[in-house]
Each structure stands twice: as C-alpha cells, then as structure tokens.
Amino acid sequence: GRGIERVLDLGDLLSGPLHPRETCDRLIELGWPTIAG
C-alpha cells in the first residue's frame, strides 16, 4: 500500500509455536537480503 518494494530482514525468522515451515517458504520466495539471528 505504501509502494515500498525493497525490504531488509534482521533475523530471528522462525522460532516459536506458530508456522515455522510456512514462514520459511514465504521468506525464501521473497528473496530479501536477510541475516541470521
């Protein structure tokens, strides 16, 4: 909605009792510059 396409991701991506596998697939698809937490 804001027209922003470039995104940077600072890690701690998946840990928790929710959707780690699905979130991982989404992030791989998005292809953002990402670091590990």
PDB file of all heavy atoms in Angstrom:
ATOM      1  N   GLY A   1       0.800  -1.218   0.000  1.00  0.00           N
ATOM      2  CA  GLY A   1       0.000   0.000   0.000  1.00  0.00           C
ATOM      3  C   GLY A   1       0.829   1.264   0.000  1.00  0.00           C
ATOM      4  O   GLY A   1       0.372   2.318  -0.448  1.00  0.00           O
ATOM      5  N   ARG A   2       2.050   1.170   0.484  1.00  0.00           N
ATOM      6  CA  ARG A   2       2.954   2.323   0.524  1.00  0.00           C
ATOM      7  C   ARG A   2       3.902   2.359  -0.678  1.00  0.00           C
ATOM      8  O   ARG A   2       4.723   3.278  -0.782  1.00  0.00           O
ATOM      9  CB  ARG A   2       3.774   2.297   1.815  1.00  0.00           C
ATOM     10  CG  ARG A   2       2.944   2.407   3.087  1.00  0.00           C
ATOM     11  CD  ARG A   2       3.812   2.156   4.319  1.00  0.00           C
ATOM     12  NE  ARG A   2       3.035   2.094   5.542  1.00  0.00           N
ATOM     13  CZ  ARG A   2       2.849   3.125   6.369  1.00  0.00           C
ATOM     14  NH1 ARG A   2       3.388   4.299   6.082  1.00  0.00           N
ATOM     15  NH2 ARG A   2       2.138   2.979   7.464  1.00  0.00           N
ATOM     16  N   GLY A   3       3.838   1.349  -1.531  1.00  0.00           N
ATOM     17  CA  GLY A   3       4.701   1.321  -2.703  1.00  0.00           C
ATOM     18  C   GLY A   3       6.155   1.025  -2.400  1.00  0.00           C
ATOM     19  O   GLY A   3       7.043   1.388  -3.189  1.00  0.00           O
ATOM     20  N   ILE A   4       6.420   0.343  -1.294  1.00  0.00           N
ATOM     21  CA  ILE A   4       7.795   0.011  -0.916  1.00  0.00           C
ATOM     22  C   ILE A   4       8.091  -1.420  -1.337  1.00  0.00           C
ATOM     23  O   ILE A   4       7.366  -2.349  -0.970  1.00  0.00           O
ATOM     24  CB  ILE A   4       8.004   0.168   0.604  1.00  0.00           C
ATOM     25  CG1 ILE A   4       7.760   1.624   1.005  1.00  0.00           C
ATOM     26  CG2 ILE A   4       9.413  -0.272   1.006  1.00  0.00           C
ATOM     27  CD1 ILE A   4       7.800   1.848   2.495  1.00  0.00           C
ATOM     28  N   GLU A   5       9.154  -1.593  -2.100  1.00  0.00           N
ATOM     29  CA  GLU A   5       9.493  -2.908  -2.623  1.00  0.00           C
ATOM     30  C   GLU A   5      10.776  -3.471  -2.023  1.00  0.00           C
ATOM     31  O   GLU A   5      10.955  -4.689  -2.006  1.00  0.00           O
ATOM     32  CB  GLU A   5       9.623  -2.848  -4.150  1.00  0.00           C
ATOM     33  CG  GLU A   5       8.316  -2.475  -4.842  1.00  0.00           C
ATOM     34  CD  GLU A   5       8.440  -2.467  -6.347  1.00  0.00           C
ATOM     35  OE1 GLU A   5       9.584  -2.581  -6.837  1.00  0.00           O
ATOM     36  OE2 GLU A   5       7.406  -2.337  -7.026  1.00  0.00           O
ATOM     37  N   ARG A   6      11.682  -2.623  -1.567  1.00  0.00           N
ATOM     38  CA  ARG A   6      12.938  -3.137  -1.015  1.00  0.00           C
ATOM     39  C   ARG A   6      12.790  -3.332   0.486  1.00  0.00           C
ATOM     40  O   ARG A   6      12.389  -2.406   1.205  1.00  0.00           O
ATOM     41  CB  ARG A   6      14.090  -2.182  -1.306  1.00  0.00           C
ATOM     42  CG  ARG A   6      15.445  -2.811  -0.994  1.00  0.00           C
ATOM     43  CD  ARG A   6      16.603  -1.930  -1.375  1.00  0.00           C
ATOM     44  NE  ARG A   6      17.847  -2.673  -1.259  1.00  0.00           N
ATOM     45  CZ  ARG A   6      19.047  -2.108  -1.233  1.00  0.00           C
ATOM     46  NH1 ARG A   6      19.162  -0.784  -1.321  1.00  0.00           N
ATOM     47  NH2 ARG A   6      20.129  -2.842  -1.125  1.00  0.00           N
ATOM     48  N   VAL A   7      13.125  -4.534   0.965  1.00  0.00           N
ATOM     49  CA  VAL A   7      12.962  -4.888   2.369  1.00  0.00           C
ATOM     50  C   VAL A   7      14.234  -5.575   2.849  1.00  0.00           C
ATOM     51  O   VAL A   7      14.794  -6.429   2.149  1.00  0.00           O
ATOM     52  CB  VAL A   7      11.755  -5.832   2.582  1.00  0.00           C
ATOM     53  CG1 VAL A   7      11.555  -6.111   4.066  1.00  0.00           C
ATOM     54  CG2 VAL A   7      10.488  -5.240   1.971  1.00  0.00           C
ATOM     55  N   LEU A   8      14.672  -5.227   4.048  1.00  0.00           N
ATOM     56  CA  LEU A   8      15.814  -5.863   4.704  1.00  0.00           C
ATOM     57  C   LEU A   8      15.315  -6.587   5.948  1.00  0.00           C
ATOM     58  O   LEU A   8      14.477  -6.063   6.680  1.00  0.00           O
ATOM     59  CB  LEU A   8      16.866  -4.821   5.089  1.00  0.00           C
ATOM     60  CG  LEU A   8      17.351  -3.898   3.963  1.00  0.00           C
ATOM     61  CD1 LEU A   8      18.390  -2.913   4.501  1.00  0.00           C
ATOM     62  CD2 LEU A   8      17.915  -4.699   2.798  1.00  0.00           C
ATOM     63  N   ASP A   9      15.856  -7.775   6.219  1.00  0.00           N
ATOM     64  CA  ASP A   9      15.372  -8.638   7.299  1.00  0.00           C
ATOM     65  C   ASP A   9      16.520  -8.949   8.255  1.00  0.00           C
ATOM     66  O   ASP A   9      17.562  -9.456   7.842  1.00  0.00           O
ATOM     67  CB  ASP A   9      14.801  -9.930   6.695  1.00  0.00           C
ATOM     68  CG  ASP A   9      14.044 -10.781   7.702  1.00  0.00           C
ATOM     69  OD1 ASP A   9      14.275 -10.625   8.908  1.00  0.00           O
ATOM     70  OD2 ASP A   9      13.234 -11.614   7.266  1.00  0.00           O
ATOM     71  N   LEU A  10      16.291  -8.688   9.549  1.00  0.00           N
ATOM     72  CA  LEU A  10      17.348  -8.756  10.554  1.00  0.00           C
ATOM     73  C   LEU A  10      17.353 -10.032  11.380  1.00  0.00           C
ATOM     74  O   LEU A  10      18.032 -10.085  12.402  1.00  0.00           O
ATOM     75  CB  LEU A  10      17.246  -7.535  11.480  1.00  0.00           C
ATOM     76  CG  LEU A  10      17.268  -6.175  10.785  1.00  0.00           C
ATOM     77  CD1 LEU A  10      17.129  -5.054  11.805  1.00  0.00           C
ATOM     78  CD2 LEU A  10      18.539  -6.005   9.952  1.00  0.00           C
ATOM     79  N   GLY A  11      16.612 -11.064  10.973  1.00  0.00           N
ATOM     80  CA  GLY A  11      16.767 -12.362  11.610  1.00  0.00           C
ATOM     81  C   GLY A  11      15.765 -12.685  12.697  1.00  0.00           C
ATOM     82  O   GLY A  11      14.842 -11.927  12.979  1.00  0.00           O
ATOM     83  N   ASP A  12      15.979 -13.839  13.354  1.00  0.00           N
ATOM     84  CA  ASP A  12      15.007 -14.486  14.250  1.00  0.00           C
ATOM     85  C   ASP A  12      13.708 -14.699  13.480  1.00  0.00           C
ATOM     86  O   ASP A  12      12.661 -14.131  13.778  1.00  0.00           O
ATOM     87  CB  ASP A  12      14.794 -13.714  15.543  1.00  0.00           C
ATOM     88  CG  ASP A  12      15.873 -14.024  16.576  1.00  0.00           C
ATOM     89  OD1 ASP A  12      16.861 -14.717  16.239  1.00  0.00           O
ATOM     90  OD2 ASP A  12      15.738 -13.584  17.725  1.00  0.00           O
ATOM     91  N   LEU A  13      13.809 -15.565  12.506  1.00  0.00           N
ATOM     92  CA  LEU A  13      12.788 -15.710  11.477  1.00  0.00           C
ATOM     93  C   LEU A  13      11.671 -16.668  11.844  1.00  0.00           C
ATOM     94  O   LEU A  13      10.502 -16.423  11.511  1.00  0.00           O
ATOM     95  CB  LEU A  13      13.449 -16.207  10.181  1.00  0.00           C
ATOM     96  CG  LEU A  13      14.671 -15.421   9.714  1.00  0.00           C
ATOM     97  CD1 LEU A  13      15.354 -16.161   8.575  1.00  0.00           C
ATOM     98  CD2 LEU A  13      14.274 -14.019   9.298  1.00  0.00           C
ATOM     99  N   LEU A  14      12.002 -17.784  12.503  1.00  0.00           N
ATOM    100  CA  LEU A  14      11.079 -18.924  12.531  1.00  0.00           C
ATOM    101  C   LEU A  14      10.759 -19.443  13.916  1.00  0.00           C
ATOM    102  O   LEU A  14       9.739 -20.114  14.105  1.00  0.00           O
ATOM    103  CB  LEU A  14      11.670 -20.081  11.709  1.00  0.00           C
ATOM    104  CG  LEU A  14      12.164 -19.742  10.311  1.00  0.00           C
ATOM    105  CD1 LEU A  14      12.817 -20.963   9.680  1.00  0.00           C
ATOM    106  CD2 LEU A  14      11.031 -19.216   9.441  1.00  0.00           C
ATOM    107  N   SER A  15      11.601 -19.207  14.890  1.00  0.00           N
ATOM    108  CA  SER A  15      11.480 -19.843  16.195  1.00  0.00           C
ATOM    109  C   SER A  15      10.195 -19.427  16.897  1.00  0.00           C
ATOM    110  O   SER A  15       9.917 -18.239  17.055  1.00  0.00           O
ATOM    111  CB  SER A  15      12.687 -19.470  17.061  1.00  0.00           C
ATOM    112  OG  SER A  15      12.598 -20.068  18.333  1.00  0.00           O
ATOM    113  N   GLY A  16       9.401 -20.415  17.329  1.00  0.00           N
ATOM    114  CA  GLY A  16       8.138 -20.144  18.005  1.00  0.00           C
ATOM    115  C   GLY A  16       7.113 -21.202  17.669  1.00  0.00           C
ATOM    116  O   GLY A  16       7.307 -22.025  16.765  1.00  0.00           O
ATOM    117  N   PRO A  17       5.955 -21.179  18.356  1.00  0.00           N
ATOM    118  CA  PRO A  17       4.948 -22.234  18.223  1.00  0.00           C
ATOM    119  C   PRO A  17       3.907 -21.960  17.156  1.00  0.00           C
ATOM    120  O   PRO A  17       2.741 -22.360  17.292  1.00  0.00           O
ATOM    121  CB  PRO A  17       4.312 -22.248  19.610  1.00  0.00           C
ATOM    122  CG  PRO A  17       4.324 -20.805  20.019  1.00  0.00           C
ATOM    123  CD  PRO A  17       5.612 -20.260  19.473  1.00  0.00           C
ATOM    124  N   LEU A  18       4.287 -21.293  16.060  1.00  0.00           N
ATOM    125  CA  LEU A  18       3.298 -20.890  15.060  1.00  0.00           C
ATOM    126  C   LEU A  18       3.538 -21.631  13.742  1.00  0.00           C
ATOM    127  O   LEU A  18       3.240 -22.800  13.641  1.00  0.00           O
ATOM    128  CB  LEU A  18       3.314 -19.372  14.903  1.00  0.00           C
ATOM    129  CG  LEU A  18       2.988 -18.594  16.195  1.00  0.00           C
ATOM    130  CD1 LEU A  18       3.109 -17.100  15.985  1.00  0.00           C
ATOM    131  CD2 LEU A  18       1.606 -18.961  16.706  1.00  0.00           C
ATOM    132  N   HIS A  19       4.084 -20.966  12.723  1.00  0.00           N
ATOM    133  CA  HIS A  19       4.204 -21.554  11.387  1.00  0.00           C
ATOM    134  C   HIS A  19       5.643 -21.454  10.876  1.00  0.00           C
ATOM    135  O   HIS A  19       5.919 -20.732   9.903  1.00  0.00           O
ATOM    136  CB  HIS A  19       3.273 -20.847  10.409  1.00  0.00           C
ATOM    137  CG  HIS A  19       1.818 -21.093  10.640  1.00  0.00           C
ATOM    138  ND1 HIS A  19       0.957 -20.103  11.079  1.00  0.00           N
ATOM    139  CD2 HIS A  19       1.065 -22.216  10.516  1.00  0.00           C
ATOM    140  CE1 HIS A  19      -0.256 -20.609  11.201  1.00  0.00           C
ATOM    141  NE2 HIS A  19      -0.219 -21.888  10.860  1.00  0.00           N
ATOM    142  N   PRO A  20       6.591 -22.152  11.472  1.00  0.00           N
ATOM    143  CA  PRO A  20       7.983 -22.014  11.024  1.00  0.00           C
ATOM    144  C   PRO A  20       8.207 -22.453   9.590  1.00  0.00           C
ATOM    145  O   PRO A  20       8.901 -21.761   8.821  1.00  0.00           O
ATOM    146  CB  PRO A  20       8.766 -22.887  12.012  1.00  0.00           C
ATOM    147  CG  PRO A  20       7.770 -23.838  12.582  1.00  0.00           C
ATOM    148  CD  PRO A  20       6.474 -23.076  12.611  1.00  0.00           C
ATOM    149  N   ARG A  21       7.641 -23.605   9.194  1.00  0.00           N
ATOM    150  CA  ARG A  21       7.892 -24.124   7.847  1.00  0.00           C
ATOM    151  C   ARG A  21       7.277 -23.217   6.793  1.00  0.00           C
ATOM    152  O   ARG A  21       7.926 -22.863   5.799  1.00  0.00           O
ATOM    153  CB  ARG A  21       7.329 -25.536   7.712  1.00  0.00           C
ATOM    154  CG  ARG A  21       7.590 -26.151   6.340  1.00  0.00           C
ATOM    155  CD  ARG A  21       6.946 -27.520   6.211  1.00  0.00           C
ATOM    156  NE  ARG A  21       7.532 -28.480   7.137  1.00  0.00           N
ATOM    157  CZ  ARG A  21       7.115 -29.730   7.266  1.00  0.00           C
ATOM    158  NH1 ARG A  21       6.087 -30.160   6.552  1.00  0.00           N
ATOM    159  NH2 ARG A  21       7.703 -30.549   8.113  1.00  0.00           N
ATOM    160  N   GLU A  22       6.043 -22.811   6.997  1.00  0.00           N
ATOM    161  CA  GLU A  22       5.360 -21.960   6.020  1.00  0.00           C
ATOM    162  C   GLU A  22       6.009 -20.580   5.933  1.00  0.00           C
ATOM    163  O   GLU A  22       6.118 -20.003   4.841  1.00  0.00           O
ATOM    164  CB  GLU A  22       3.882 -21.831   6.382  1.00  0.00           C
ATOM    165  CG  GLU A  22       3.122 -23.142   6.341  1.00  0.00           C
ATOM    166  CD  GLU A  22       3.232 -23.957   7.638  1.00  0.00           C
ATOM    167  OE1 GLU A  22       4.033 -23.587   8.538  1.00  0.00           O
ATOM    168  OE2 GLU A  22       2.510 -24.964   7.750  1.00  0.00           O
ATOM    169  N   THR A  23       6.426 -20.055   7.084  1.00  0.00           N
ATOM    170  CA  THR A  23       7.104 -18.754   7.082  1.00  0.00           C
ATOM    171  C   THR A  23       8.429 -18.840   6.350  1.00  0.00           C
ATOM    172  O   THR A  23       8.799 -17.931   5.591  1.00  0.00           O
ATOM    173  CB  THR A  23       7.325 -18.279   8.524  1.00  0.00           C
ATOM    174  OG1 THR A  23       6.056 -18.195   9.189  1.00  0.00           O
ATOM    175  CG2 THR A  23       7.986 -16.908   8.551  1.00  0.00           C
ATOM    176  N   CYS A  24       9.151 -19.933   6.544  1.00  0.00           N
ATOM    177  CA  CYS A  24      10.420 -20.121   5.844  1.00  0.00           C
ATOM    178  C   CYS A  24      10.212 -20.135   4.337  1.00  0.00           C
ATOM    179  O   CYS A  24      10.938 -19.456   3.590  1.00  0.00           O
ATOM    180  CB  CYS A  24      11.097 -21.402   6.320  1.00  0.00           C
ATOM    181  SG  CYS A  24      12.808 -21.569   5.760  1.00  0.00           S
ATOM    182  N   ASP A  25       9.239 -20.874   3.867  1.00  0.00           N
ATOM    183  CA  ASP A  25       8.966 -20.913   2.423  1.00  0.00           C
ATOM    184  C   ASP A  25       8.628 -19.526   1.888  1.00  0.00           C
ATOM    185  O   ASP A  25       9.058 -19.147   0.789  1.00  0.00           O
ATOM    186  CB  ASP A  25       7.808 -21.873   2.132  1.00  0.00           C
ATOM    187  CG  ASP A  25       8.231 -23.332   2.155  1.00  0.00           C
ATOM    188  OD1 ASP A  25       9.437 -23.608   2.017  1.00  0.00           O
ATOM    189  OD2 ASP A  25       7.346 -24.198   2.327  1.00  0.00           O
ATOM    190  N   ARG A  26       7.867 -18.765   2.661  1.00  0.00           N
ATOM    191  CA  ARG A  26       7.494 -17.414   2.208  1.00  0.00           C
ATOM    192  C   ARG A  26       8.719 -16.519   2.118  1.00  0.00           C
ATOM    193  O   ARG A  26       8.871 -15.749   1.153  1.00  0.00           O
ATOM    194  CB  ARG A  26       6.469 -16.821   3.186  1.00  0.00           C
ATOM    195  CG  ARG A  26       5.855 -15.513   2.702  1.00  0.00           C
ATOM    196  CD  ARG A  26       4.911 -15.760   1.552  1.00  0.00           C
ATOM    197  NE  ARG A  26       4.099 -14.598   1.248  1.00  0.00           N
ATOM    198  CZ  ARG A  26       4.260 -13.838   0.168  1.00  0.00           C
ATOM    199  NH1 ARG A  26       5.226 -14.113  -0.708  1.00  0.00           N
ATOM    200  NH2 ARG A  26       3.469 -12.804  -0.048  1.00  0.00           N
ATOM    201  N   LEU A  27       9.598 -16.608   3.078  1.00  0.00           N
ATOM    202  CA  LEU A  27      10.785 -15.756   3.074  1.00  0.00           C
ATOM    203  C   LEU A  27      11.739 -16.148   1.945  1.00  0.00           C
ATOM    204  O   LEU A  27      12.348 -15.275   1.308  1.00  0.00           O
ATOM    205  CB  LEU A  27      11.492 -15.834   4.421  1.00  0.00           C
ATOM    206  CG  LEU A  27      10.726 -15.193   5.587  1.00  0.00           C
ATOM    207  CD1 LEU A  27      11.403 -15.506   6.909  1.00  0.00           C
ATOM    208  CD2 LEU A  27      10.592 -13.685   5.388  1.00  0.00           C
ATOM    209  N   ILE A  28      11.877 -17.444   1.681  1.00  0.00           N
ATOM    210  CA  ILE A  28      12.702 -17.877   0.556  1.00  0.00           C
ATOM    211  C   ILE A  28      12.137 -17.313  -0.749  1.00  0.00           C
ATOM    212  O   ILE A  28      12.873 -16.817  -1.610  1.00  0.00           O
ATOM    213  CB  ILE A  28      12.792 -19.406   0.520  1.00  0.00           C
ATOM    214  CG1 ILE A  28      13.593 -19.923   1.721  1.00  0.00           C
ATOM    215  CG2 ILE A  28      13.423 -19.880  -0.789  1.00  0.00           C
ATOM    216  CD1 ILE A  28      13.549 -21.427   1.891  1.00  0.00           C
ATOM    217  N   GLU A  29      10.823 -17.356  -0.885  1.00  0.00           N
ATOM    218  CA  GLU A  29      10.163 -16.824  -2.074  1.00  0.00           C
ATOM    219  C   GLU A  29      10.406 -15.324  -2.225  1.00  0.00           C
ATOM    220  O   GLU A  29      10.643 -14.823  -3.334  1.00  0.00           O
ATOM    221  CB  GLU A  29       8.664 -17.107  -1.990  1.00  0.00           C
ATOM    222  CG  GLU A  29       7.835 -16.503  -3.098  1.00  0.00           C
ATOM    223  CD  GLU A  29       6.344 -16.622  -2.834  1.00  0.00           C
ATOM    224  OE1 GLU A  29       5.936 -16.943  -1.696  1.00  0.00           O
ATOM    225  OE2 GLU A  29       5.568 -16.383  -3.774  1.00  0.00           O
ATOM    226  N   LEU A  30      10.361 -14.604  -1.128  1.00  0.00           N
ATOM    227  CA  LEU A  30      10.515 -13.150  -1.182  1.00  0.00           C
ATOM    228  C   LEU A  30      11.939 -12.741  -1.549  1.00  0.00           C
ATOM    229  O   LEU A  30      12.150 -11.724  -2.217  1.00  0.00           O
ATOM    230  CB  LEU A  30      10.125 -12.537   0.166  1.00  0.00           C
ATOM    231  CG  LEU A  30       8.628 -12.584   0.483  1.00  0.00           C
ATOM    232  CD1 LEU A  30       8.380 -12.309   1.962  1.00  0.00           C
ATOM    233  CD2 LEU A  30       7.867 -11.574  -0.375  1.00  0.00           C
ATOM    234  N   GLY A  31      12.934 -13.502  -1.117  1.00  0.00           N
ATOM    235  CA  GLY A  31      14.312 -13.248  -1.525  1.00  0.00           C
ATOM    236  C   GLY A  31      14.935 -11.976  -0.980  1.00  0.00           C
ATOM    237  O   GLY A  31      15.838 -11.408  -1.596  1.00  0.00           O
ATOM    238  N   TRP A  32      14.484 -11.518   0.174  1.00  0.00           N
ATOM    239  CA  TRP A  32      15.050 -10.302   0.759  1.00  0.00           C
ATOM    240  C   TRP A  32      16.490 -10.511   1.232  1.00  0.00           C
ATOM    241  O   TRP A  32      16.850 -11.629   1.648  1.00  0.00           O
ATOM    242  CB  TRP A  32      14.242  -9.893   1.991  1.00  0.00           C
ATOM    243  CG  TRP A  32      12.829  -9.520   1.741  1.00  0.00           C
ATOM    244  CD1 TRP A  32      12.282  -9.045   0.584  1.00  0.00           C
ATOM    245  CD2 TRP A  32      11.764  -9.573   2.688  1.00  0.00           C
ATOM    246  NE1 TRP A  32      10.951  -8.787   0.761  1.00  0.00           N
ATOM    247  CE2 TRP A  32      10.600  -9.106   2.043  1.00  0.00           C
ATOM    248  CE3 TRP A  32      11.691  -9.958   4.036  1.00  0.00           C
ATOM    249  CZ2 TRP A  32       9.378  -9.022   2.692  1.00  0.00           C
ATOM    250  CZ3 TRP A  32      10.470  -9.879   4.679  1.00  0.00           C
ATOM    251  CH2 TRP A  32       9.321  -9.414   4.022  1.00  0.00           C
ATOM    252  N   PRO A  33      17.322  -9.467   1.231  1.00  0.00           N
ATOM    253  CA  PRO A  33      18.584  -9.538   1.961  1.00  0.00           C
ATOM    254  C   PRO A  33      18.283  -9.825   3.443  1.00  0.00           C
ATOM    255  O   PRO A  33      17.548  -9.078   4.091  1.00  0.00           O
ATOM    256  CB  PRO A  33      19.190  -8.151   1.769  1.00  0.00           C
ATOM    257  CG  PRO A  33      18.564  -7.642   0.496  1.00  0.00           C
ATOM    258  CD  PRO A  33      17.165  -8.186   0.509  1.00  0.00           C
ATOM    259  N   THR A  34      18.821 -10.916   3.951  1.00  0.00           N
ATOM    260  CA  THR A  34      18.443 -11.418   5.271  1.00  0.00           C
ATOM    261  C   THR A  34      19.678 -11.885   6.021  1.00  0.00           C
ATOM    262  O   THR A  34      20.563 -12.515   5.436  1.00  0.00           O
ATOM    263  CB  THR A  34      17.455 -12.595   5.130  1.00  0.00           C
ATOM    264  OG1 THR A  34      16.285 -12.151   4.444  1.00  0.00           O
ATOM    265  CG2 THR A  34      17.057 -13.160   6.488  1.00  0.00           C
ATOM    266  N   ILE A  35      19.734 -11.599   7.319  1.00  0.00           N
ATOM    267  CA  ILE A  35      20.801 -12.117   8.160  1.00  0.00           C
ATOM    268  C   ILE A  35      20.220 -13.108   9.165  1.00  0.00           C
ATOM    269  O   ILE A  35      19.014 -13.145   9.393  1.00  0.00           O
ATOM    270  CB  ILE A  35      21.572 -10.993   8.891  1.00  0.00           C
ATOM    271  CG1 ILE A  35      20.633 -10.204   9.820  1.00  0.00           C
ATOM    272  CG2 ILE A  35      22.252 -10.068   7.878  1.00  0.00           C
ATOM    273  CD1 ILE A  35      21.362  -9.182  10.694  1.00  0.00           C
ATOM    274  N   ALA A  36      21.089 -13.883   9.757  1.00  0.00           N
ATOM    275  CA  ALA A  36      20.686 -14.844  10.783  1.00  0.00           C
ATOM    276  C   ALA A  36      20.683 -14.174  12.147  1.00  0.00           C
ATOM    277  O   ALA A  36      21.586 -13.394  12.475  1.00  0.00           O
ATOM    278  CB  ALA A  36      21.642 -16.033  10.796  1.00  0.00           C
ATOM    279  N   GLY A  37      19.674 -14.485  12.954  1.00  0.00           N
ATOM    280  CA  GLY A  37      19.659 -14.082  14.349  1.00  0.00           C
ATOM    281  C   GLY A  37      20.155 -15.212  15.238  1.00  0.00           C
ATOM    282  O   GLY A  37      20.516 -16.297  14.762  1.00  0.00           O
TER     283      GLY A  37
END
